[in-house]
Amino acid sequence: MSTGYQIYNQHAPYFLTFTIVDWVDVFTRKVYKDIIIDSLSFCQNNKGLRIFGYVIMSNHLHLIAQAIGEIPLSDIIRDFKKYTANNIIKIIQSENESRSEWLLHRFKFNAGLNKRNSYYQFWTHDNHAEEIYSEKFFYQKLVYIHFNPVRAGFVEYPEHYVYSSAFDLNNPVSKIKISTLVD
């Protein structure tokens, strides 16, 4: 089902939101957030993903990104979501996850609601893609991303939240390379 938030220009920068089905709080554990970070880094290094900003919240991920190589942004997102979903579900099944039965039930239930899924659905199909059409819009979205953990009460200042580009800007050993709009 289309929501109107489509990626039309595959090489323009976009504000994206990837949401876990049923808004399930999966990213409360470091291991799951690290899969996201590693996958974003892989997409940067191997698929031509340029990242301007990101934040990993408990049940969703915001990203300002652009495809700069030959691979279309939609394809990068598809591969990212498939890889992260498969790996997080494998860990839920194999690690000591106290909520594994409930989590897998939610993912299985949601897969049954959609013909495009086989056994589990981790991410919603919508990416809530909004093309960045101006510098002002870019900075509005970047501030929104960076202050998301502050509004949620996780930290007092955006740069204190480890799973955010606000933190990475001051972290020389970060796996994610943050671009500026004029790079």
N, C-alpha and C. Protein backbone atom coordinates (compact mmCIF):
# COMPACT_ATOMS: atom_id res chain seq x y z
N MET A 1 0.84 -1.18 0.00
CA MET A 1 0.00 0.00 0.00
C MET A 1 0.88 1.24 0.00
N SER A 2 0.71 2.10 -0.98
CA SER A 2 1.50 3.31 -1.10
C SER A 2 0.96 4.38 -0.16
N THR A 3 1.86 5.08 0.49
CA THR A 3 1.46 6.16 1.39
C THR A 3 1.71 7.53 0.78
N GLY A 4 2.27 7.57 -0.42
CA GLY A 4 2.59 8.85 -1.03
C GLY A 4 4.02 9.29 -0.76
N TYR A 5 4.69 8.60 0.15
CA TYR A 5 6.08 8.94 0.47
C TYR A 5 6.99 8.00 -0.31
N GLN A 6 7.16 8.28 -1.59
CA GLN A 6 7.93 7.42 -2.48
C GLN A 6 9.27 8.06 -2.81
N ILE A 7 10.22 7.24 -3.20
CA ILE A 7 11.50 7.73 -3.68
C ILE A 7 11.41 7.81 -5.19
N TYR A 8 11.30 9.02 -5.70
CA TYR A 8 11.19 9.23 -7.14
C TYR A 8 12.56 9.51 -7.77
N ASN A 9 13.33 10.37 -7.15
CA ASN A 9 14.66 10.70 -7.63
C ASN A 9 15.66 9.85 -6.84
N GLN A 10 16.15 8.79 -7.44
CA GLN A 10 16.96 7.79 -6.74
C GLN A 10 18.31 8.30 -6.25
N HIS A 11 18.74 9.47 -6.70
CA HIS A 11 20.05 9.98 -6.27
C HIS A 11 19.97 11.32 -5.54
N ALA A 12 18.77 11.70 -5.15
CA ALA A 12 18.59 12.90 -4.33
C ALA A 12 18.70 12.51 -2.85
N PRO A 13 19.04 13.46 -1.98
CA PRO A 13 19.02 13.15 -0.55
C PRO A 13 17.57 13.05 -0.05
N TYR A 14 17.35 12.13 0.89
CA TYR A 14 16.03 11.90 1.46
C TYR A 14 16.09 11.81 2.97
N PHE A 15 15.02 12.28 3.61
CA PHE A 15 14.77 12.02 5.02
C PHE A 15 13.93 10.74 5.05
N LEU A 16 14.42 9.72 5.76
CA LEU A 16 13.78 8.41 5.77
C LEU A 16 13.49 7.98 7.21
N THR A 17 12.41 7.25 7.37
CA THR A 17 12.09 6.66 8.66
C THR A 17 11.78 5.19 8.45
N PHE A 18 12.55 4.32 9.09
CA PHE A 18 12.33 2.88 9.04
C PHE A 18 11.77 2.47 10.40
N THR A 19 10.59 1.87 10.39
CA THR A 19 9.88 1.56 11.62
C THR A 19 9.72 0.06 11.79
N ILE A 20 9.87 -0.41 13.02
CA ILE A 20 9.63 -1.82 13.35
C ILE A 20 8.11 -2.04 13.36
N VAL A 21 7.67 -3.19 12.86
CA VAL A 21 6.23 -3.48 12.87
C VAL A 21 5.69 -3.35 14.29
N ASP A 22 4.47 -2.87 14.39
CA ASP A 22 3.78 -2.67 15.67
C ASP A 22 4.54 -1.77 16.64
N TRP A 23 5.49 -1.02 16.13
CA TRP A 23 6.32 -0.13 16.95
C TRP A 23 6.96 -0.89 18.11
N VAL A 24 7.37 -2.13 17.85
CA VAL A 24 7.99 -2.97 18.87
C VAL A 24 9.35 -2.38 19.24
N ASP A 25 9.62 -2.27 20.54
CA ASP A 25 10.88 -1.73 21.04
C ASP A 25 11.98 -2.79 20.97
N VAL A 26 12.58 -2.91 19.80
CA VAL A 26 13.66 -3.88 19.59
C VAL A 26 15.01 -3.29 19.96
N PHE A 27 15.20 -2.02 19.63
CA PHE A 27 16.52 -1.41 19.78
C PHE A 27 16.77 -0.92 21.20
N THR A 28 16.40 -1.75 22.15
CA THR A 28 16.72 -1.48 23.55
C THR A 28 17.99 -2.22 23.95
N ARG A 29 18.47 -3.08 23.07
CA ARG A 29 19.68 -3.85 23.33
C ARG A 29 20.78 -3.42 22.35
N LYS A 30 21.98 -3.30 22.90
CA LYS A 30 23.13 -2.85 22.11
C LYS A 30 23.39 -3.74 20.90
N VAL A 31 23.26 -5.03 21.04
CA VAL A 31 23.57 -5.95 19.95
C VAL A 31 22.75 -5.66 18.70
N TYR A 32 21.49 -5.28 18.87
CA TYR A 32 20.63 -4.99 17.72
C TYR A 32 20.99 -3.65 17.09
N LYS A 33 21.30 -2.67 17.92
CA LYS A 33 21.72 -1.36 17.40
C LYS A 33 23.05 -1.47 16.66
N ASP A 34 23.92 -2.32 17.15
CA ASP A 34 25.22 -2.51 16.49
C ASP A 34 25.07 -3.14 15.11
N ILE A 35 24.08 -3.99 14.93
CA ILE A 35 23.80 -4.54 13.60
C ILE A 35 23.42 -3.42 12.64
N ILE A 36 22.63 -2.47 13.11
CA ILE A 36 22.23 -1.32 12.28
C ILE A 36 23.46 -0.50 11.92
N ILE A 37 24.30 -0.17 12.90
CA ILE A 37 25.51 0.62 12.65
C ILE A 37 26.42 -0.08 11.66
N ASP A 38 26.67 -1.37 11.87
CA ASP A 38 27.54 -2.12 10.97
C ASP A 38 26.98 -2.17 9.55
N SER A 39 25.69 -2.32 9.43
CA SER A 39 25.07 -2.38 8.11
C SER A 39 25.10 -1.02 7.41
N LEU A 40 24.86 0.05 8.15
CA LEU A 40 24.97 1.39 7.55
C LEU A 40 26.39 1.64 7.06
N SER A 41 27.36 1.25 7.88
CA SER A 41 28.76 1.41 7.49
C SER A 41 29.07 0.59 6.23
N PHE A 42 28.57 -0.63 6.17
CA PHE A 42 28.77 -1.47 4.98
C PHE A 42 28.15 -0.80 3.75
N CYS A 43 26.95 -0.27 3.90
CA CYS A 43 26.29 0.40 2.77
C CYS A 43 27.08 1.62 2.31
N GLN A 44 27.68 2.33 3.24
CA GLN A 44 28.54 3.46 2.87
C GLN A 44 29.75 3.00 2.09
N ASN A 45 30.41 1.97 2.58
CA ASN A 45 31.67 1.52 2.00
C ASN A 45 31.52 0.69 0.74
N ASN A 46 30.37 0.07 0.53
CA ASN A 46 30.23 -0.88 -0.57
C ASN A 46 29.07 -0.61 -1.52
N LYS A 47 28.15 0.26 -1.15
CA LYS A 47 26.97 0.46 -1.99
C LYS A 47 26.75 1.91 -2.41
N GLY A 48 27.61 2.81 -1.94
CA GLY A 48 27.46 4.22 -2.33
C GLY A 48 26.43 4.98 -1.55
N LEU A 49 26.22 4.62 -0.28
CA LEU A 49 25.27 5.35 0.56
C LEU A 49 26.00 6.50 1.24
N ARG A 50 25.49 7.68 1.08
CA ARG A 50 26.03 8.87 1.73
C ARG A 50 25.07 9.23 2.86
N ILE A 51 25.58 9.35 4.07
CA ILE A 51 24.75 9.62 5.25
C ILE A 51 25.04 11.01 5.78
N PHE A 52 23.97 11.78 5.92
CA PHE A 52 24.07 13.14 6.45
C PHE A 52 23.68 13.18 7.92
N GLY A 53 22.84 12.27 8.34
CA GLY A 53 22.40 12.22 9.73
C GLY A 53 21.59 10.97 9.99
N TYR A 54 21.63 10.51 11.25
CA TYR A 54 20.85 9.33 11.62
C TYR A 54 20.63 9.32 13.13
N VAL A 55 19.64 8.57 13.55
CA VAL A 55 19.43 8.26 14.96
C VAL A 55 18.70 6.93 15.02
N ILE A 56 19.12 6.09 15.97
CA ILE A 56 18.44 4.82 16.21
C ILE A 56 17.66 4.98 17.52
N MET A 57 16.35 4.96 17.40
CA MET A 57 15.49 5.03 18.58
C MET A 57 15.10 3.60 18.97
N SER A 58 14.24 3.42 19.94
CA SER A 58 13.92 2.08 20.42
C SER A 58 13.12 1.25 19.41
N ASN A 59 12.37 1.91 18.53
CA ASN A 59 11.51 1.17 17.60
C ASN A 59 11.52 1.72 16.18
N HIS A 60 12.43 2.61 15.91
CA HIS A 60 12.54 3.16 14.56
C HIS A 60 13.92 3.79 14.36
N LEU A 61 14.20 4.08 13.11
CA LEU A 61 15.47 4.66 12.71
C LEU A 61 15.17 5.82 11.77
N HIS A 62 15.74 6.99 12.04
CA HIS A 62 15.66 8.13 11.12
C HIS A 62 17.01 8.25 10.42
N LEU A 63 16.94 8.62 9.16
CA LEU A 63 18.15 8.70 8.35
C LEU A 63 17.97 9.79 7.31
N ILE A 64 19.00 10.60 7.13
CA ILE A 64 19.07 11.48 5.96
C ILE A 64 20.19 10.91 5.13
N ALA A 65 19.84 10.44 3.92
CA ALA A 65 20.82 9.71 3.12
C ALA A 65 20.58 9.94 1.64
N GLN A 66 21.59 9.56 0.87
CA GLN A 66 21.57 9.74 -0.57
C GLN A 66 22.41 8.63 -1.21
N ALA A 67 21.97 8.15 -2.35
CA ALA A 67 22.77 7.20 -3.13
C ALA A 67 23.67 8.00 -4.05
N ILE A 68 24.98 7.76 -3.97
CA ILE A 68 25.91 8.53 -4.80
C ILE A 68 26.61 7.67 -5.84
N GLY A 69 26.35 6.40 -5.84
CA GLY A 69 26.95 5.51 -6.83
C GLY A 69 25.93 5.08 -7.85
N GLU A 70 26.17 3.93 -8.45
CA GLU A 70 25.27 3.41 -9.47
C GLU A 70 24.04 2.74 -8.88
N ILE A 71 24.10 2.32 -7.62
CA ILE A 71 22.99 1.59 -7.01
C ILE A 71 21.91 2.59 -6.57
N PRO A 72 20.67 2.40 -7.01
CA PRO A 72 19.58 3.31 -6.61
C PRO A 72 19.33 3.24 -5.09
N LEU A 73 18.88 4.35 -4.53
CA LEU A 73 18.61 4.43 -3.09
C LEU A 73 17.61 3.37 -2.66
N SER A 74 16.57 3.15 -3.45
CA SER A 74 15.57 2.13 -3.10
C SER A 74 16.19 0.76 -2.95
N ASP A 75 17.13 0.42 -3.80
CA ASP A 75 17.79 -0.89 -3.73
C ASP A 75 18.68 -0.99 -2.49
N ILE A 76 19.37 0.09 -2.16
CA ILE A 76 20.20 0.09 -0.96
C ILE A 76 19.33 -0.11 0.27
N ILE A 77 18.21 0.60 0.33
CA ILE A 77 17.30 0.49 1.47
C ILE A 77 16.74 -0.93 1.56
N ARG A 78 16.32 -1.48 0.43
CA ARG A 78 15.77 -2.84 0.41
C ARG A 78 16.79 -3.82 0.98
N ASP A 79 18.03 -3.74 0.50
CA ASP A 79 19.08 -4.66 0.96
C ASP A 79 19.41 -4.44 2.44
N PHE A 80 19.47 -3.19 2.86
CA PHE A 80 19.74 -2.86 4.26
C PHE A 80 18.66 -3.45 5.17
N LYS A 81 17.41 -3.24 4.81
CA LYS A 81 16.31 -3.72 5.65
C LYS A 81 16.27 -5.25 5.68
N LYS A 82 16.50 -5.88 4.56
CA LYS A 82 16.49 -7.35 4.51
C LYS A 82 17.62 -7.93 5.36
N TYR A 83 18.82 -7.39 5.19
CA TYR A 83 19.98 -7.88 5.93
C TYR A 83 19.78 -7.68 7.44
N THR A 84 19.40 -6.48 7.84
CA THR A 84 19.27 -6.20 9.28
C THR A 84 18.14 -7.02 9.89
N ALA A 85 17.03 -7.15 9.19
CA ALA A 85 15.92 -7.96 9.71
C ALA A 85 16.34 -9.41 9.91
N ASN A 86 16.96 -9.99 8.90
CA ASN A 86 17.39 -11.39 9.00
C ASN A 86 18.38 -11.60 10.14
N ASN A 87 19.33 -10.71 10.29
CA ASN A 87 20.34 -10.88 11.33
C ASN A 87 19.80 -10.63 12.73
N ILE A 88 18.95 -9.65 12.88
CA ILE A 88 18.37 -9.40 14.20
C ILE A 88 17.46 -10.57 14.60
N ILE A 89 16.68 -11.08 13.68
CA ILE A 89 15.82 -12.23 13.99
C ILE A 89 16.65 -13.45 14.35
N LYS A 90 17.76 -13.67 13.66
CA LYS A 90 18.65 -14.80 14.01
C LYS A 90 19.16 -14.67 15.43
N ILE A 91 19.52 -13.46 15.82
CA ILE A 91 20.02 -13.26 17.19
C ILE A 91 18.89 -13.43 18.20
N ILE A 92 17.72 -12.94 17.88
CA ILE A 92 16.57 -13.13 18.78
C ILE A 92 16.32 -14.63 18.99
N GLN A 93 16.46 -15.41 17.93
CA GLN A 93 16.22 -16.85 18.01
C GLN A 93 17.32 -17.60 18.75
N SER A 94 18.56 -17.11 18.68
CA SER A 94 19.68 -17.89 19.21
C SER A 94 20.27 -17.36 20.51
N GLU A 95 20.12 -16.11 20.79
CA GLU A 95 20.72 -15.52 22.00
C GLU A 95 19.75 -15.65 23.18
N ASN A 96 20.21 -15.21 24.30
CA ASN A 96 19.39 -15.23 25.51
C ASN A 96 18.50 -13.99 25.54
N GLU A 97 17.50 -13.97 24.67
CA GLU A 97 16.57 -12.83 24.57
C GLU A 97 15.32 -13.17 25.39
N SER A 98 15.10 -12.43 26.46
CA SER A 98 13.98 -12.71 27.35
C SER A 98 12.62 -12.55 26.67
N ARG A 99 12.57 -11.75 25.62
CA ARG A 99 11.30 -11.50 24.94
C ARG A 99 11.19 -12.25 23.61
N SER A 100 12.02 -13.24 23.39
CA SER A 100 12.10 -13.88 22.07
C SER A 100 10.76 -14.43 21.61
N GLU A 101 10.04 -15.13 22.46
CA GLU A 101 8.77 -15.73 22.05
C GLU A 101 7.77 -14.64 21.63
N TRP A 102 7.68 -13.59 22.42
CA TRP A 102 6.75 -12.50 22.11
C TRP A 102 7.17 -11.76 20.84
N LEU A 103 8.47 -11.45 20.71
CA LEU A 103 8.96 -10.73 19.54
C LEU A 103 8.70 -11.53 18.26
N LEU A 104 9.06 -12.81 18.29
CA LEU A 104 8.88 -13.64 17.10
C LEU A 104 7.40 -13.80 16.75
N HIS A 105 6.56 -13.85 17.77
CA HIS A 105 5.11 -13.90 17.53
C HIS A 105 4.64 -12.64 16.82
N ARG A 106 5.10 -11.48 17.25
CA ARG A 106 4.70 -10.21 16.61
C ARG A 106 5.16 -10.20 15.14
N PHE A 107 6.40 -10.61 14.90
CA PHE A 107 6.95 -10.59 13.54
C PHE A 107 6.24 -11.62 12.65
N LYS A 108 5.90 -12.77 13.20
CA LYS A 108 5.18 -13.79 12.43
C LYS A 108 3.76 -13.32 12.13
N PHE A 109 3.09 -12.74 13.11
CA PHE A 109 1.74 -12.23 12.92
C PHE A 109 1.71 -11.19 11.80
N ASN A 110 2.64 -10.26 11.83
CA ASN A 110 2.69 -9.21 10.80
C ASN A 110 3.01 -9.76 9.43
N ALA A 111 3.82 -10.79 9.36
CA ALA A 111 4.12 -11.43 8.07
C ALA A 111 2.85 -12.02 7.47
N GLY A 112 1.99 -12.54 8.31
CA GLY A 112 0.75 -13.13 7.84
C GLY A 112 -0.24 -12.11 7.28
N LEU A 113 -0.02 -10.86 7.59
CA LEU A 113 -0.90 -9.79 7.09
C LEU A 113 -0.51 -9.28 5.72
N ASN A 114 0.65 -9.74 5.21
CA ASN A 114 1.17 -9.20 3.97
C ASN A 114 1.69 -10.32 3.08
N LYS A 115 1.27 -10.34 1.85
CA LYS A 115 1.68 -11.38 0.90
C LYS A 115 3.15 -11.30 0.53
N ARG A 116 3.78 -10.14 0.74
CA ARG A 116 5.19 -9.97 0.34
C ARG A 116 6.16 -10.62 1.32
N ASN A 117 5.67 -11.14 2.44
CA ASN A 117 6.55 -11.72 3.44
C ASN A 117 6.46 -13.23 3.44
N SER A 118 7.54 -13.86 3.88
CA SER A 118 7.53 -15.32 3.98
C SER A 118 7.11 -15.73 5.39
N TYR A 119 8.00 -15.58 6.36
CA TYR A 119 7.71 -16.08 7.69
C TYR A 119 7.65 -14.99 8.76
N TYR A 120 8.56 -14.01 8.66
CA TYR A 120 8.60 -12.92 9.63
C TYR A 120 8.61 -11.59 8.89
N GLN A 121 7.99 -10.59 9.48
CA GLN A 121 8.13 -9.22 9.01
C GLN A 121 8.65 -8.40 10.17
N PHE A 122 9.82 -7.82 9.99
CA PHE A 122 10.50 -7.04 11.03
C PHE A 122 10.22 -5.55 10.83
N TRP A 123 10.52 -5.04 9.64
CA TRP A 123 10.33 -3.63 9.31
C TRP A 123 8.97 -3.46 8.63
N THR A 124 8.37 -2.28 8.78
CA THR A 124 7.21 -1.95 7.95
C THR A 124 7.73 -1.74 6.53
N HIS A 125 6.84 -1.84 5.56
CA HIS A 125 7.27 -1.69 4.17
C HIS A 125 7.48 -0.22 3.80
N ASP A 126 6.85 0.67 4.49
CA ASP A 126 6.96 2.10 4.20
C ASP A 126 8.28 2.64 4.74
N ASN A 127 8.90 3.56 4.01
CA ASN A 127 10.13 4.22 4.46
C ASN A 127 9.90 5.68 4.79
N HIS A 128 8.68 6.14 4.63
CA HIS A 128 8.32 7.54 4.86
C HIS A 128 9.38 8.47 4.25
N ALA A 129 9.65 8.25 2.98
CA ALA A 129 10.70 8.99 2.27
C ALA A 129 10.24 10.40 1.91
N GLU A 130 10.99 11.40 2.36
CA GLU A 130 10.73 12.80 2.01
C GLU A 130 11.99 13.36 1.36
N GLU A 131 11.86 13.75 0.11
CA GLU A 131 13.02 14.29 -0.59
C GLU A 131 13.44 15.62 0.04
N ILE A 132 14.74 15.78 0.20
CA ILE A 132 15.29 17.03 0.74
C ILE A 132 15.31 18.03 -0.41
N TYR A 133 14.44 19.03 -0.34
CA TYR A 133 14.26 19.96 -1.45
C TYR A 133 14.91 21.32 -1.21
N SER A 134 15.40 21.56 0.02
CA SER A 134 16.06 22.84 0.29
C SER A 134 17.01 22.67 1.47
N GLU A 135 17.91 23.61 1.59
CA GLU A 135 18.84 23.61 2.72
C GLU A 135 18.09 23.78 4.04
N LYS A 136 17.07 24.64 4.05
CA LYS A 136 16.28 24.86 5.26
C LYS A 136 15.59 23.57 5.69
N PHE A 137 14.99 22.86 4.74
CA PHE A 137 14.32 21.59 5.05
C PHE A 137 15.33 20.56 5.56
N PHE A 138 16.51 20.52 4.96
CA PHE A 138 17.58 19.62 5.41
C PHE A 138 17.89 19.86 6.88
N TYR A 139 18.13 21.10 7.25
CA TYR A 139 18.51 21.40 8.64
C TYR A 139 17.35 21.19 9.61
N GLN A 140 16.12 21.42 9.17
CA GLN A 140 14.96 21.12 10.03
C GLN A 140 14.94 19.63 10.37
N LYS A 141 15.15 18.80 9.37
CA LYS A 141 15.12 17.35 9.58
C LYS A 141 16.33 16.88 10.40
N LEU A 142 17.49 17.48 10.17
CA LEU A 142 18.68 17.10 10.93
C LEU A 142 18.51 17.45 12.41
N VAL A 143 17.99 18.62 12.71
CA VAL A 143 17.73 19.01 14.10
C VAL A 143 16.69 18.08 14.71
N TYR A 144 15.65 17.75 13.95
CA TYR A 144 14.62 16.82 14.43
C TYR A 144 15.25 15.48 14.80
N ILE A 145 16.11 14.95 13.92
CA ILE A 145 16.79 13.68 14.18
C ILE A 145 17.63 13.77 15.45
N HIS A 146 18.45 14.80 15.55
CA HIS A 146 19.37 14.90 16.67
C HIS A 146 18.68 15.12 18.01
N PHE A 147 17.52 15.77 18.00
CA PHE A 147 16.82 16.03 19.26
C PHE A 147 15.81 14.94 19.62
N ASN A 148 15.66 13.94 18.77
CA ASN A 148 14.74 12.84 19.06
C ASN A 148 15.07 12.15 20.39
N PRO A 149 16.33 11.80 20.67
CA PRO A 149 16.64 11.17 21.96
C PRO A 149 16.45 12.11 23.16
N VAL A 150 16.61 13.41 22.93
CA VAL A 150 16.38 14.39 23.99
C VAL A 150 14.88 14.43 24.32
N ARG A 151 14.05 14.52 23.28
CA ARG A 151 12.59 14.54 23.49
C ARG A 151 12.11 13.25 24.15
N ALA A 152 12.76 12.14 23.87
CA ALA A 152 12.38 10.85 24.47
C ALA A 152 12.88 10.71 25.90
N GLY A 153 13.74 11.64 26.34
CA GLY A 153 14.25 11.60 27.70
C GLY A 153 15.44 10.67 27.89
N PHE A 154 16.08 10.26 26.80
CA PHE A 154 17.23 9.37 26.89
C PHE A 154 18.49 10.10 27.33
N VAL A 155 18.64 11.34 26.86
CA VAL A 155 19.83 12.14 27.16
C VAL A 155 19.41 13.60 27.32
N GLU A 156 20.31 14.39 27.87
CA GLU A 156 20.04 15.81 28.03
C GLU A 156 20.43 16.61 26.79
N TYR A 157 21.50 16.15 26.11
CA TYR A 157 22.00 16.85 24.93
C TYR A 157 22.14 15.85 23.78
N PRO A 158 21.85 16.27 22.56
CA PRO A 158 21.90 15.35 21.41
C PRO A 158 23.24 14.65 21.25
N GLU A 159 24.33 15.36 21.49
CA GLU A 159 25.66 14.77 21.27
C GLU A 159 26.03 13.71 22.31
N HIS A 160 25.19 13.53 23.33
CA HIS A 160 25.43 12.49 24.33
C HIS A 160 24.82 11.14 23.94
N TYR A 161 23.97 11.12 22.93
CA TYR A 161 23.32 9.88 22.52
C TYR A 161 24.22 9.13 21.55
N VAL A 162 24.72 7.99 21.96
CA VAL A 162 25.74 7.25 21.22
C VAL A 162 25.26 6.81 19.84
N TYR A 163 24.00 6.46 19.68
CA TYR A 163 23.51 5.94 18.40
C TYR A 163 22.87 7.04 17.57
N SER A 164 23.67 8.06 17.31
CA SER A 164 23.20 9.23 16.58
C SER A 164 24.37 9.90 15.88
N SER A 165 24.08 10.55 14.77
CA SER A 165 25.12 11.30 14.08
C SER A 165 25.57 12.51 14.89
N ALA A 166 24.75 13.00 15.82
CA ALA A 166 25.18 14.10 16.69
C ALA A 166 26.37 13.66 17.53
N PHE A 167 26.38 12.42 17.98
CA PHE A 167 27.51 11.85 18.72
C PHE A 167 28.69 11.60 17.78
N ASP A 168 28.40 11.06 16.60
CA ASP A 168 29.46 10.70 15.65
C ASP A 168 30.25 11.91 15.16
N LEU A 169 29.64 13.08 15.13
CA LEU A 169 30.35 14.28 14.67
C LEU A 169 31.57 14.57 15.53
N ASN A 170 31.52 14.17 16.81
CA ASN A 170 32.63 14.41 17.74
C ASN A 170 33.42 13.14 18.03
N ASN A 171 33.15 12.07 17.28
CA ASN A 171 33.77 10.78 17.56
C ASN A 171 34.66 10.37 16.38
N PRO A 172 35.98 10.53 16.49
CA PRO A 172 36.87 10.25 15.36
C PRO A 172 36.96 8.77 15.00
N VAL A 173 36.52 7.86 15.86
CA VAL A 173 36.61 6.43 15.56
C VAL A 173 35.25 5.83 15.18
N SER A 174 34.30 6.66 14.87
CA SER A 174 32.97 6.17 14.50
C SER A 174 33.03 5.35 13.21
N LYS A 175 32.18 4.32 13.13
CA LYS A 175 32.09 3.50 11.93
C LYS A 175 31.34 4.23 10.82
N ILE A 176 30.49 5.16 11.17
CA ILE A 176 29.68 5.90 10.21
C ILE A 176 30.38 7.21 9.86
N LYS A 177 30.53 7.47 8.57
CA LYS A 177 31.10 8.74 8.13
C LYS A 177 29.95 9.69 7.82
N ILE A 178 29.92 10.81 8.50
CA ILE A 178 28.83 11.78 8.34
C ILE A 178 29.25 12.83 7.31
N SER A 179 28.42 13.01 6.30
CA SER A 179 28.67 14.01 5.25
C SER A 179 27.94 15.30 5.60
N THR A 180 28.44 16.39 5.05
CA THR A 180 27.73 17.65 5.15
C THR A 180 27.05 17.91 3.81
N LEU A 181 26.11 18.78 3.80
CA LEU A 181 25.32 19.04 2.60
C LEU A 181 26.18 19.52 1.44
N VAL A 182 27.31 20.16 1.74
CA VAL A 182 28.16 20.72 0.68
C VAL A 182 29.40 19.89 0.40
N ASP A 183 29.48 18.64 0.91
CA ASP A 183 30.64 17.78 0.65
C ASP A 183 30.81 17.53 -0.84
